[in-house]
Amino acid sequence: MQLRPDKPWTPLTAEAVARLPGQLGVYQIADADGAVVHINYAGGRSRFGLRSALEDELAARPAGHRFRVEINMQYMTRYQELLMLHQADTGSLPRDNAANPPPRLGRLSPR
């Protein structure tokens, strides 16, 4: 697995979310300009995994957002890794994660 996600972005629509599997994993949300605004995960307490997590995102966000997912059983580790990678690349957490940062986040030096 690569450190940086390379899957294409998908428009955050009801049709696209309905096609998602009910599996555990992580996801990223980008705004219309392509900036990552949120990184999160669908864990063991998610009703239907990634599908229900992205349904919640769809209900909370205006049109124009995009998403990409990674199915991953070690979703917490990958979630933290994606946050650390974003912070290393940009100098800050994504906008929505910065409002409620995780309690302990290490540092990653991917270069």
PDB file of N, CA and C in Angstrom:
ATOM      1  N   MET A   1       0.846  -1.179   0.000  1.00  0.00           N
ATOM      2  CA  MET A   1       0.000   0.000   0.000  1.00  0.00           C
ATOM      3  C   MET A   1       0.889   1.240   0.000  1.00  0.00           C
ATOM      4  N   GLN A   2       0.484   2.204  -0.763  1.00  0.00           N
ATOM      5  CA  GLN A   2       1.194   3.469  -0.807  1.00  0.00           C
ATOM      6  C   GLN A   2       0.838   4.314   0.413  1.00  0.00           C
ATOM      7  N   LEU A   3       1.741   5.201   0.741  1.00  0.00           N
ATOM      8  CA  LEU A   3       1.480   6.096   1.859  1.00  0.00           C
ATOM      9  C   LEU A   3       0.410   7.125   1.497  1.00  0.00           C
ATOM     10  N   ARG A   4       0.554   7.732   0.322  1.00  0.00           N
ATOM     11  CA  ARG A   4      -0.408   8.738  -0.126  1.00  0.00           C
ATOM     12  C   ARG A   4      -1.531   8.077  -0.943  1.00  0.00           C
ATOM     13  N   PRO A   5      -2.768   8.423  -0.646  1.00  0.00           N
ATOM     14  CA  PRO A   5      -3.878   7.861  -1.429  1.00  0.00           C
ATOM     15  C   PRO A   5      -3.772   8.289  -2.891  1.00  0.00           C
ATOM     16  N   ASP A   6      -4.056   7.368  -3.799  1.00  0.00           N
ATOM     17  CA  ASP A   6      -3.986   7.711  -5.217  1.00  0.00           C
ATOM     18  C   ASP A   6      -5.272   7.364  -5.963  1.00  0.00           C
ATOM     19  N   LYS A   7      -6.298   6.984  -5.239  1.00  0.00           N
ATOM     20  CA  LYS A   7      -7.569   6.677  -5.880  1.00  0.00           C
ATOM     21  C   LYS A   7      -8.198   7.964  -6.401  1.00  0.00           C
ATOM     22  N   PRO A   8      -8.960   7.860  -7.477  1.00  0.00           N
ATOM     23  CA  PRO A   8      -9.609   9.066  -8.014  1.00  0.00           C
ATOM     24  C   PRO A   8     -10.720   9.561  -7.082  1.00  0.00           C
ATOM     25  N   TRP A   9     -10.987  10.844  -7.187  1.00  0.00           N
ATOM     26  CA  TRP A   9     -12.070  11.457  -6.418  1.00  0.00           C
ATOM     27  C   TRP A   9     -13.404  11.133  -7.080  1.00  0.00           C
ATOM     28  N   THR A  10     -14.437  10.937  -6.257  1.00  0.00           N
ATOM     29  CA  THR A  10     -15.790  10.654  -6.721  1.00  0.00           C
ATOM     30  C   THR A  10     -16.703  11.753  -6.203  1.00  0.00           C
ATOM     31  N   PRO A  11     -17.608  12.273  -7.034  1.00  0.00           N
ATOM     32  CA  PRO A  11     -18.545  13.285  -6.532  1.00  0.00           C
ATOM     33  C   PRO A  11     -19.374  12.723  -5.372  1.00  0.00           C
ATOM     34  N   LEU A  12     -19.564  13.522  -4.347  1.00  0.00           N
ATOM     35  CA  LEU A  12     -20.332  13.115  -3.174  1.00  0.00           C
ATOM     36  C   LEU A  12     -21.823  13.270  -3.500  1.00  0.00           C
ATOM     37  N   THR A  13     -22.382  12.201  -4.054  1.00  0.00           N
ATOM     38  CA  THR A  13     -23.797  12.179  -4.432  1.00  0.00           C
ATOM     39  C   THR A  13     -24.456  10.954  -3.798  1.00  0.00           C
ATOM     40  N   ALA A  14     -25.766  10.980  -3.727  1.00  0.00           N
ATOM     41  CA  ALA A  14     -26.502   9.849  -3.150  1.00  0.00           C
ATOM     42  C   ALA A  14     -26.257   8.573  -3.948  1.00  0.00           C
ATOM     43  N   GLU A  15     -26.178   8.681  -5.271  1.00  0.00           N
ATOM     44  CA  GLU A  15     -25.961   7.507  -6.112  1.00  0.00           C
ATOM     45  C   GLU A  15     -24.590   6.885  -5.857  1.00  0.00           C
ATOM     46  N   ALA A  16     -23.569   7.720  -5.747  1.00  0.00           N
ATOM     47  CA  ALA A  16     -22.212   7.215  -5.516  1.00  0.00           C
ATOM     48  C   ALA A  16     -22.096   6.583  -4.134  1.00  0.00           C
ATOM     49  N   VAL A  17     -22.713   7.197  -3.147  1.00  0.00           N
ATOM     50  CA  VAL A  17     -22.652   6.671  -1.786  1.00  0.00           C
ATOM     51  C   VAL A  17     -23.412   5.347  -1.691  1.00  0.00           C
ATOM     52  N   ALA A  18     -24.517   5.217  -2.395  1.00  0.00           N
ATOM     53  CA  ALA A  18     -25.305   3.984  -2.362  1.00  0.00           C
ATOM     54  C   ALA A  18     -24.526   2.792  -2.908  1.00  0.00           C
ATOM     55  N   ARG A  19     -23.558   3.037  -3.763  1.00  0.00           N
ATOM     56  CA  ARG A  19     -22.746   1.949  -4.340  1.00  0.00           C
ATOM     57  C   ARG A  19     -21.612   1.500  -3.418  1.00  0.00           C
ATOM     58  N   LEU A  20     -21.380   2.217  -2.327  1.00  0.00           N
ATOM     59  CA  LEU A  20     -20.277   1.865  -1.427  1.00  0.00           C
ATOM     60  C   LEU A  20     -20.576   0.589  -0.645  1.00  0.00           C
ATOM     61  N   PRO A  21     -19.518  -0.155  -0.325  1.00  0.00           N
ATOM     62  CA  PRO A  21     -19.716  -1.364   0.470  1.00  0.00           C
ATOM     63  C   PRO A  21     -19.933  -1.027   1.940  1.00  0.00           C
ATOM     64  N   GLY A  22     -20.481  -1.956   2.657  1.00  0.00           N
ATOM     65  CA  GLY A  22     -20.659  -1.794   4.097  1.00  0.00           C
ATOM     66  C   GLY A  22     -19.439  -2.310   4.837  1.00  0.00           C
ATOM     67  N   GLN A  23     -18.259  -1.857   4.441  1.00  0.00           N
ATOM     68  CA  GLN A  23     -17.018  -2.324   5.045  1.00  0.00           C
ATOM     69  C   GLN A  23     -16.340  -1.209   5.829  1.00  0.00           C
ATOM     70  N   LEU A  24     -15.399  -1.589   6.672  1.00  0.00           N
ATOM     71  CA  LEU A  24     -14.648  -0.638   7.477  1.00  0.00           C
ATOM     72  C   LEU A  24     -13.561   0.005   6.638  1.00  0.00           C
ATOM     73  N   GLY A  25     -13.194   1.223   6.992  1.00  0.00           N
ATOM     74  CA  GLY A  25     -12.125   1.886   6.265  1.00  0.00           C
ATOM     75  C   GLY A  25     -12.047   3.363   6.587  1.00  0.00           C
ATOM     76  N   VAL A  26     -11.265   4.061   5.772  1.00  0.00           N
ATOM     77  CA  VAL A  26     -11.063   5.500   5.937  1.00  0.00           C
ATOM     78  C   VAL A  26     -11.549   6.222   4.687  1.00  0.00           C
ATOM     79  N   TYR A  27     -11.807   7.511   4.862  1.00  0.00           N
ATOM     80  CA  TYR A  27     -12.213   8.308   3.705  1.00  0.00           C
ATOM     81  C   TYR A  27     -11.725   9.733   3.852  1.00  0.00           C
ATOM     82  N   GLN A  28     -11.630  10.395   2.709  1.00  0.00           N
ATOM     83  CA  GLN A  28     -11.276  11.812   2.644  1.00  0.00           C
ATOM     84  C   GLN A  28     -12.390  12.538   1.909  1.00  0.00           C
ATOM     85  N   ILE A  29     -12.654  13.767   2.341  1.00  0.00           N
ATOM     86  CA  ILE A  29     -13.625  14.644   1.682  1.00  0.00           C
ATOM     87  C   ILE A  29     -12.867  15.856   1.169  1.00  0.00           C
ATOM     88  N   ALA A  30     -13.105  16.220  -0.082  1.00  0.00           N
ATOM     89  CA  ALA A  30     -12.494  17.414  -0.673  1.00  0.00           C
ATOM     90  C   ALA A  30     -13.594  18.374  -1.108  1.00  0.00           C
ATOM     91  N   ASP A  31     -13.274  19.663  -1.067  1.00  0.00           N
ATOM     92  CA  ASP A  31     -14.239  20.661  -1.531  1.00  0.00           C
ATOM     93  C   ASP A  31     -14.170  20.770  -3.055  1.00  0.00           C
ATOM     94  N   ALA A  32     -14.940  21.685  -3.611  1.00  0.00           N
ATOM     95  CA  ALA A  32     -15.000  21.836  -5.064  1.00  0.00           C
ATOM     96  C   ALA A  32     -13.659  22.250  -5.667  1.00  0.00           C
ATOM     97  N   ASP A  33     -12.803  22.887  -4.873  1.00  0.00           N
ATOM     98  CA  ASP A  33     -11.486  23.301  -5.358  1.00  0.00           C
ATOM     99  C   ASP A  33     -10.448  22.192  -5.265  1.00  0.00           C
ATOM    100  N   GLY A  34     -10.811  21.060  -4.664  1.00  0.00           N
ATOM    101  CA  GLY A  34      -9.885  19.941  -4.540  1.00  0.00           C
ATOM    102  C   GLY A  34      -9.101  19.898  -3.254  1.00  0.00           C
ATOM    103  N   ALA A  35      -9.341  20.825  -2.350  1.00  0.00           N
ATOM    104  CA  ALA A  35      -8.642  20.839  -1.061  1.00  0.00           C
ATOM    105  C   ALA A  35      -9.298  19.839  -0.110  1.00  0.00           C
ATOM    106  N   VAL A  36      -8.496  19.014   0.530  1.00  0.00           N
ATOM    107  CA  VAL A  36      -9.020  18.055   1.498  1.00  0.00           C
ATOM    108  C   VAL A  36      -9.503  18.840   2.716  1.00  0.00           C
ATOM    109  N   VAL A  37     -10.786  18.676   3.049  1.00  0.00           N
ATOM    110  CA  VAL A  37     -11.369  19.408   4.170  1.00  0.00           C
ATOM    111  C   VAL A  37     -11.672  18.505   5.355  1.00  0.00           C
ATOM    112  N   HIS A  38     -11.678  17.181   5.136  1.00  0.00           N
ATOM    113  CA  HIS A  38     -12.006  16.257   6.227  1.00  0.00           C
ATOM    114  C   HIS A  38     -11.429  14.877   5.942  1.00  0.00           C
ATOM    115  N   ILE A  39     -10.867  14.280   6.972  1.00  0.00           N
ATOM    116  CA  ILE A  39     -10.404  12.895   6.931  1.00  0.00           C
ATOM    117  C   ILE A  39     -11.078  12.195   8.098  1.00  0.00           C
ATOM    118  N   ASN A  40     -11.672  11.029   7.839  1.00  0.00           N
ATOM    119  CA  ASN A  40     -12.365  10.310   8.901  1.00  0.00           C
ATOM    120  C   ASN A  40     -12.355   8.822   8.602  1.00  0.00           C
ATOM    121  N   TYR A  41     -13.033   8.067   9.433  1.00  0.00           N
ATOM    122  CA  TYR A  41     -13.062   6.620   9.272  1.00  0.00           C
ATOM    123  C   TYR A  41     -14.451   6.078   9.554  1.00  0.00           C
ATOM    124  N   ALA A  42     -14.702   4.891   9.042  1.00  0.00           N
ATOM    125  CA  ALA A  42     -15.899   4.128   9.355  1.00  0.00           C
ATOM    126  C   ALA A  42     -15.426   2.924  10.144  1.00  0.00           C
ATOM    127  N   GLY A  43     -15.722   2.921  11.425  1.00  0.00           N
ATOM    128  CA  GLY A  43     -15.223   1.873  12.300  1.00  0.00           C
ATOM    129  C   GLY A  43     -16.273   0.835  12.641  1.00  0.00           C
ATOM    130  N   GLY A  44     -15.964   0.061  13.645  1.00  0.00           N
ATOM    131  CA  GLY A  44     -16.825  -1.031  14.064  1.00  0.00           C
ATOM    132  C   GLY A  44     -18.187  -0.594  14.572  1.00  0.00           C
ATOM    133  N   ARG A  45     -18.325   0.653  14.939  1.00  0.00           N
ATOM    134  CA  ARG A  45     -19.620   1.152  15.425  1.00  0.00           C
ATOM    135  C   ARG A  45     -20.453   1.809  14.331  1.00  0.00           C
ATOM    136  N   SER A  46     -19.929   1.856  13.115  1.00  0.00           N
ATOM    137  CA  SER A  46     -20.704   2.413  11.994  1.00  0.00           C
ATOM    138  C   SER A  46     -21.790   1.416  11.608  1.00  0.00           C
ATOM    139  N   ARG A  47     -22.987   1.902  11.359  1.00  0.00           N
ATOM    140  CA  ARG A  47     -24.109   1.016  11.031  1.00  0.00           C
ATOM    141  C   ARG A  47     -23.799   0.133   9.827  1.00  0.00           C
ATOM    142  N   PHE A  48     -23.408   0.761   8.726  1.00  0.00           N
ATOM    143  CA  PHE A  48     -23.100   0.028   7.501  1.00  0.00           C
ATOM    144  C   PHE A  48     -21.762   0.482   6.947  1.00  0.00           C
ATOM    145  N   GLY A  49     -20.794   0.641   7.821  1.00  0.00           N
ATOM    146  CA  GLY A  49     -19.433   0.954   7.410  1.00  0.00           C
ATOM    147  C   GLY A  49     -19.312   2.243   6.620  1.00  0.00           C
ATOM    148  N   LEU A  50     -18.532   2.180   5.547  1.00  0.00           N
ATOM    149  CA  LEU A  50     -18.261   3.370   4.735  1.00  0.00           C
ATOM    150  C   LEU A  50     -19.535   3.976   4.157  1.00  0.00           C
ATOM    151  N   ARG A  51     -20.489   3.138   3.780  1.00  0.00           N
ATOM    152  CA  ARG A  51     -21.719   3.655   3.194  1.00  0.00           C
ATOM    153  C   ARG A  51     -22.450   4.571   4.166  1.00  0.00           C
ATOM    154  N   SER A  52     -22.644   4.147   5.404  1.00  0.00           N
ATOM    155  CA  SER A  52     -23.377   4.994   6.359  1.00  0.00           C
ATOM    156  C   SER A  52     -22.562   6.219   6.765  1.00  0.00           C
ATOM    157  N   ALA A  53     -21.241   6.085   6.858  1.00  0.00           N
ATOM    158  CA  ALA A  53     -20.407   7.245   7.194  1.00  0.00           C
ATOM    159  C   ALA A  53     -20.496   8.308   6.109  1.00  0.00           C
ATOM    160  N   LEU A  54     -20.482   7.889   4.847  1.00  0.00           N
ATOM    161  CA  LEU A  54     -20.578   8.858   3.754  1.00  0.00           C
ATOM    162  C   LEU A  54     -22.001   9.379   3.569  1.00  0.00           C
ATOM    163  N   GLU A  55     -23.005   8.612   3.967  1.00  0.00           N
ATOM    164  CA  GLU A  55     -24.380   9.135   3.969  1.00  0.00           C
ATOM    165  C   GLU A  55     -24.484  10.305   4.941  1.00  0.00           C
ATOM    166  N   ASP A  56     -23.845  10.167   6.095  1.00  0.00           N
ATOM    167  CA  ASP A  56     -23.837  11.265   7.071  1.00  0.00           C
ATOM    168  C   ASP A  56     -23.111  12.484   6.511  1.00  0.00           C
ATOM    169  N   GLU A  57     -21.998  12.261   5.838  1.00  0.00           N
ATOM    170  CA  GLU A  57     -21.251  13.370   5.220  1.00  0.00           C
ATOM    171  C   GLU A  57     -22.095  14.054   4.152  1.00  0.00           C
ATOM    172  N   LEU A  58     -22.782  13.267   3.340  1.00  0.00           N
ATOM    173  CA  LEU A  58     -23.631  13.819   2.283  1.00  0.00           C
ATOM    174  C   LEU A  58     -24.729  14.703   2.862  1.00  0.00           C
ATOM    175  N   ALA A  59     -25.325  14.277   3.957  1.00  0.00           N
ATOM    176  CA  ALA A  59     -26.398  15.054   4.584  1.00  0.00           C
ATOM    177  C   ALA A  59     -25.879  16.347   5.195  1.00  0.00           C
ATOM    178  N   ALA A  60     -24.613  16.373   5.595  1.00  0.00           N
ATOM    179  CA  ALA A  60     -24.071  17.536   6.298  1.00  0.00           C
ATOM    180  C   ALA A  60     -23.370  18.547   5.394  1.00  0.00           C
ATOM    181  N   ARG A  61     -23.138  18.194   4.130  1.00  0.00           N
ATOM    182  CA  ARG A  61     -22.328  19.059   3.258  1.00  0.00           C
ATOM    183  C   ARG A  61     -23.125  19.547   2.051  1.00  0.00           C
ATOM    184  N   PRO A  62     -22.821  20.752   1.591  1.00  0.00           N
ATOM    185  CA  PRO A  62     -23.470  21.237   0.373  1.00  0.00           C
ATOM    186  C   PRO A  62     -22.940  20.496  -0.859  1.00  0.00           C
ATOM    187  N   ALA A  63     -23.615  20.656  -1.956  1.00  0.00           N
ATOM    188  CA  ALA A  63     -23.210  20.007  -3.210  1.00  0.00           C
ATOM    189  C   ALA A  63     -21.824  20.497  -3.635  1.00  0.00           C
ATOM    190  N   GLY A  64     -21.146  19.671  -4.404  1.00  0.00           N
ATOM    191  CA  GLY A  64     -19.851  20.059  -4.936  1.00  0.00           C
ATOM    192  C   GLY A  64     -18.676  19.380  -4.269  1.00  0.00           C
ATOM    193  N   HIS A  65     -18.907  18.665  -3.183  1.00  0.00           N
ATOM    194  CA  HIS A  65     -17.816  17.962  -2.504  1.00  0.00           C
ATOM    195  C   HIS A  65     -17.544  16.631  -3.197  1.00  0.00           C
ATOM    196  N   ARG A  66     -16.345  16.118  -2.972  1.00  0.00           N
ATOM    197  CA  ARG A  66     -15.936  14.829  -3.526  1.00  0.00           C
ATOM    198  C   ARG A  66     -15.356  13.974  -2.404  1.00  0.00           C
ATOM    199  N   PHE A  67     -15.241  12.680  -2.672  1.00  0.00           N
ATOM    200  CA  PHE A  67     -14.688  11.783  -1.661  1.00  0.00           C
ATOM    201  C   PHE A  67     -13.865  10.684  -2.322  1.00  0.00           C
ATOM    202  N   ARG A  68     -13.046  10.044  -1.485  1.00  0.00           N
ATOM    203  CA  ARG A  68     -12.391   8.796  -1.872  1.00  0.00           C
ATOM    204  C   ARG A  68     -12.251   7.957  -0.613  1.00  0.00           C
ATOM    205  N   VAL A  69     -12.277   6.646  -0.801  1.00  0.00           N
ATOM    206  CA  VAL A  69     -12.270   5.725   0.330  1.00  0.00           C
ATOM    207  C   VAL A  69     -11.150   4.700   0.178  1.00  0.00           C
ATOM    208  N   GLU A  70     -10.765   4.127   1.296  1.00  0.00           N
ATOM    209  CA  GLU A  70      -9.865   2.978   1.352  1.00  0.00           C
ATOM    210  C   GLU A  70     -10.480   1.978   2.312  1.00  0.00           C
ATOM    211  N   ILE A  71     -10.724   0.783   1.845  1.00  0.00           N
ATOM    212  CA  ILE A  71     -11.177  -0.277   2.734  1.00  0.00           C
ATOM    213  C   ILE A  71      -9.951  -0.743   3.506  1.00  0.00           C
ATOM    214  N   ASN A  72     -10.064  -0.744   4.834  1.00  0.00           N
ATOM    215  CA  ASN A  72      -8.907  -1.049   5.653  1.00  0.00           C
ATOM    216  C   ASN A  72      -9.368  -1.506   7.027  1.00  0.00           C
ATOM    217  N   MET A  73      -8.959  -2.687   7.425  1.00  0.00           N
ATOM    218  CA  MET A  73      -9.339  -3.208   8.740  1.00  0.00           C
ATOM    219  C   MET A  73      -8.595  -2.495   9.866  1.00  0.00           C
ATOM    220  N   GLN A  74      -7.448  -1.918   9.572  1.00  0.00           N
ATOM    221  CA  GLN A  74      -6.715  -1.133  10.575  1.00  0.00           C
ATOM    222  C   GLN A  74      -7.047   0.350  10.374  1.00  0.00           C
ATOM    223  N   TYR A  75      -8.334   0.643  10.391  1.00  0.00           N
ATOM    224  CA  TYR A  75      -8.816   1.979  10.053  1.00  0.00           C
ATOM    225  C   TYR A  75      -8.304   3.062  10.993  1.00  0.00           C
ATOM    226  N   MET A  76      -8.141   2.781  12.280  1.00  0.00           N
ATOM    227  CA  MET A  76      -7.654   3.829  13.195  1.00  0.00           C
ATOM    228  C   MET A  76      -6.205   4.199  12.896  1.00  0.00           C
ATOM    229  N   THR A  77      -5.382   3.206  12.641  1.00  0.00           N
ATOM    230  CA  THR A  77      -3.979   3.473  12.304  1.00  0.00           C
ATOM    231  C   THR A  77      -3.887   4.248  11.003  1.00  0.00           C
ATOM    232  N   ARG A  78      -4.654   3.834  10.001  1.00  0.00           N
ATOM    233  CA  ARG A  78      -4.615   4.515   8.707  1.00  0.00           C
ATOM    234  C   ARG A  78      -5.196   5.927   8.814  1.00  0.00           C
ATOM    235  N   TYR A  79      -6.223   6.112   9.606  1.00  0.00           N
ATOM    236  CA  TYR A  79      -6.814   7.427   9.841  1.00  0.00           C
ATOM    237  C   TYR A  79      -5.757   8.389  10.406  1.00  0.00           C
ATOM    238  N   GLN A  80      -5.061   7.932  11.445  1.00  0.00           N
ATOM    239  CA  GLN A  80      -4.024   8.767  12.039  1.00  0.00           C
ATOM    240  C   GLN A  80      -2.876   9.012  11.056  1.00  0.00           C
ATOM    241  N   GLU A  81      -2.539   8.006  10.283  1.00  0.00           N
ATOM    242  CA  GLU A  81      -1.481   8.151   9.288  1.00  0.00           C
ATOM    243  C   GLU A  81      -1.853   9.199   8.237  1.00  0.00           C
ATOM    244  N   LEU A  82      -3.101   9.178   7.775  1.00  0.00           N
ATOM    245  CA  LEU A  82      -3.549  10.177   6.797  1.00  0.00           C
ATOM    246  C   LEU A  82      -3.536  11.586   7.387  1.00  0.00           C
ATOM    247  N   LEU A  83      -3.941  11.718   8.649  1.00  0.00           N
ATOM    248  CA  LEU A  83      -3.890  13.031   9.297  1.00  0.00           C
ATOM    249  C   LEU A  83      -2.450  13.527   9.414  1.00  0.00           C
ATOM    250  N   MET A  84      -1.548  12.646   9.844  1.00  0.00           N
ATOM    251  CA  MET A  84      -0.140  13.033   9.984  1.00  0.00           C
ATOM    252  C   MET A  84       0.469  13.379   8.630  1.00  0.00           C
ATOM    253  N   LEU A  85       0.104  12.637   7.598  1.00  0.00           N
ATOM    254  CA  LEU A  85       0.604  12.912   6.256  1.00  0.00           C
ATOM    255  C   LEU A  85       0.113  14.272   5.757  1.00  0.00           C
ATOM    256  N   HIS A  86      -1.154  14.563   5.972  1.00  0.00           N
ATOM    257  CA  HIS A  86      -1.706  15.858   5.567  1.00  0.00           C
ATOM    258  C   HIS A  86      -1.011  16.984   6.315  1.00  0.00           C
ATOM    259  N   GLN A  87      -0.786  16.789   7.602  1.00  0.00           N
ATOM    260  CA  GLN A  87      -0.118  17.815   8.397  1.00  0.00           C
ATOM    261  C   GLN A  87       1.322  18.005   7.936  1.00  0.00           C
ATOM    262  N   ALA A  88       2.012  16.921   7.594  1.00  0.00           N
ATOM    263  CA  ALA A  88       3.390  17.031   7.110  1.00  0.00           C
ATOM    264  C   ALA A  88       3.447  17.732   5.756  1.00  0.00           C
ATOM    265  N   ASP A  89       2.461  17.476   4.894  1.00  0.00           N
ATOM    266  CA  ASP A  89       2.456  18.062   3.548  1.00  0.00           C
ATOM    267  C   ASP A  89       2.019  19.525   3.527  1.00  0.00           C
ATOM    268  N   THR A  90       1.062  19.882   4.396  1.00  0.00           N
ATOM    269  CA  THR A  90       0.478  21.225   4.326  1.00  0.00           C
ATOM    270  C   THR A  90       0.790  22.100   5.527  1.00  0.00           C
ATOM    271  N   GLY A  91       1.254  21.510   6.607  1.00  0.00           N
ATOM    272  CA  GLY A  91       1.540  22.279   7.817  1.00  0.00           C
ATOM    273  C   GLY A  91       0.374  22.389   8.782  1.00  0.00           C
ATOM    274  N   SER A  92      -0.779  21.816   8.411  1.00  0.00           N
ATOM    275  CA  SER A  92      -1.942  21.867   9.291  1.00  0.00           C
ATOM    276  C   SER A  92      -2.859  20.686   9.006  1.00  0.00           C
ATOM    277  N   LEU A  93      -3.808  20.478   9.918  1.00  0.00           N
ATOM    278  CA  LEU A  93      -4.824  19.453   9.702  1.00  0.00           C
ATOM    279  C   LEU A  93      -5.868  19.972   8.718  1.00  0.00           C
ATOM    280  N   PRO A  94      -6.643  19.083   8.088  1.00  0.00           N
ATOM    281  CA  PRO A  94      -7.755  19.560   7.259  1.00  0.00           C
ATOM    282  C   PRO A  94      -8.695  20.436   8.080  1.00  0.00           C
ATOM    283  N   ARG A  95      -9.366  21.345   7.420  1.00  0.00           N
ATOM    284  CA  ARG A  95     -10.222  22.335   8.088  1.00  0.00           C
ATOM    285  C   ARG A  95     -11.169  21.717   9.117  1.00  0.00           C
ATOM    286  N   ASP A  96     -11.904  20.699   8.744  1.00  0.00           N
ATOM    287  CA  ASP A  96     -12.888  20.116   9.662  1.00  0.00           C
ATOM    288  C   ASP A  96     -12.232  19.307  10.775  1.00  0.00           C
ATOM    289  N   ASN A  97     -11.067  18.741  10.542  1.00  0.00           N
ATOM    290  CA  ASN A  97     -10.360  18.013  11.591  1.00  0.00           C
ATOM    291  C   ASN A  97      -9.707  18.963  12.585  1.00  0.00           C
ATOM    292  N   ALA A  98      -9.308  20.140  12.134  1.00  0.00           N
ATOM    293  CA  ALA A  98      -8.667  21.121  13.013  1.00  0.00           C
ATOM    294  C   ALA A  98      -9.631  21.610  14.084  1.00  0.00           C
ATOM    295  N   ALA A  99     -10.927  21.615  13.782  1.00  0.00           N
ATOM    296  CA  ALA A  99     -11.923  22.053  14.756  1.00  0.00           C
ATOM    297  C   ALA A  99     -12.054  21.070  15.918  1.00  0.00           C
ATOM    298  N   ASN A 100     -11.726  19.811  15.683  1.00  0.00           N
ATOM    299  CA  ASN A 100     -11.818  18.778  16.718  1.00  0.00           C
ATOM    300  C   ASN A 100     -10.679  17.778  16.516  1.00  0.00           C
ATOM    301  N   PRO A 101      -9.444  18.183  16.828  1.00  0.00           N
ATOM    302  CA  PRO A 101      -8.290  17.321  16.559  1.00  0.00           C
ATOM    303  C   PRO A 101      -8.265  16.087  17.449  1.00  0.00           C
ATOM    304  N   PRO A 102      -7.630  15.022  16.962  1.00  0.00           N
ATOM    305  CA  PRO A 102      -7.490  13.839  17.812  1.00  0.00           C
ATOM    306  C   PRO A 102      -6.597  14.165  19.011  1.00  0.00           C
ATOM    307  N   PRO A 103      -6.782  13.466  20.124  1.00  0.00           N
ATOM    308  CA  PRO A 103      -6.030  13.810  21.339  1.00  0.00           C
ATOM    309  C   PRO A 103      -4.518  13.660  21.202  1.00  0.00           C
ATOM    310  N   ARG A 104      -4.077  12.630  20.535  1.00  0.00           N
ATOM    311  CA  ARG A 104      -2.633  12.416  20.371  1.00  0.00           C
ATOM    312  C   ARG A 104      -2.352  12.088  18.911  1.00  0.00           C
ATOM    313  N   LEU A 105      -1.551  12.900  18.313  1.00  0.00           N
ATOM    314  CA  LEU A 105      -1.183  12.672  16.922  1.00  0.00           C
ATOM    315  C   LEU A 105       0.317  12.816  16.806  1.00  0.00           C
ATOM    316  N   GLY A 106       0.965  11.795  16.307  1.00  0.00           N
ATOM    317  CA  GLY A 106       2.415  11.831  16.158  1.00  0.00           C
ATOM    318  C   GLY A 106       2.829  12.678  14.985  1.00  0.00           C
ATOM    319  N   ARG A 107       4.111  12.596  14.644  1.00  0.00           N
ATOM    320  CA  ARG A 107       4.632  13.311  13.498  1.00  0.00           C
ATOM    321  C   ARG A 107       5.119  12.307  12.481  1.00  0.00           C
ATOM    322  N   LEU A 108       4.930  12.635  11.238  1.00  0.00           N
ATOM    323  CA  LEU A 108       5.332  11.781  10.141  1.00  0.00           C
ATOM    324  C   LEU A 108       6.260  12.575   9.239  1.00  0.00           C
ATOM    325  N   SER A 109       7.336  11.970   8.837  1.00  0.00           N
ATOM    326  CA  SER A 109       8.285  12.627   7.920  1.00  0.00           C
ATOM    327  C   SER A 109       8.382  11.788   6.650  1.00  0.00           C
ATOM    328  N   PRO A 110       7.454  11.974   5.711  1.00  0.00           N
ATOM    329  CA  PRO A 110       7.383  11.104   4.535  1.00  0.00           C
ATOM    330  C   PRO A 110       8.449  11.378   3.475  1.00  0.00           C
ATOM    331  N   ARG A 111       9.242  12.401   3.606  1.00  0.00           N
ATOM    332  CA  ARG A 111      10.185  12.755   2.562  1.00  0.00           C
ATOM    333  C   ARG A 111      11.431  11.954   2.621  1.00  0.00           C
TER     334      ARG A 111
END
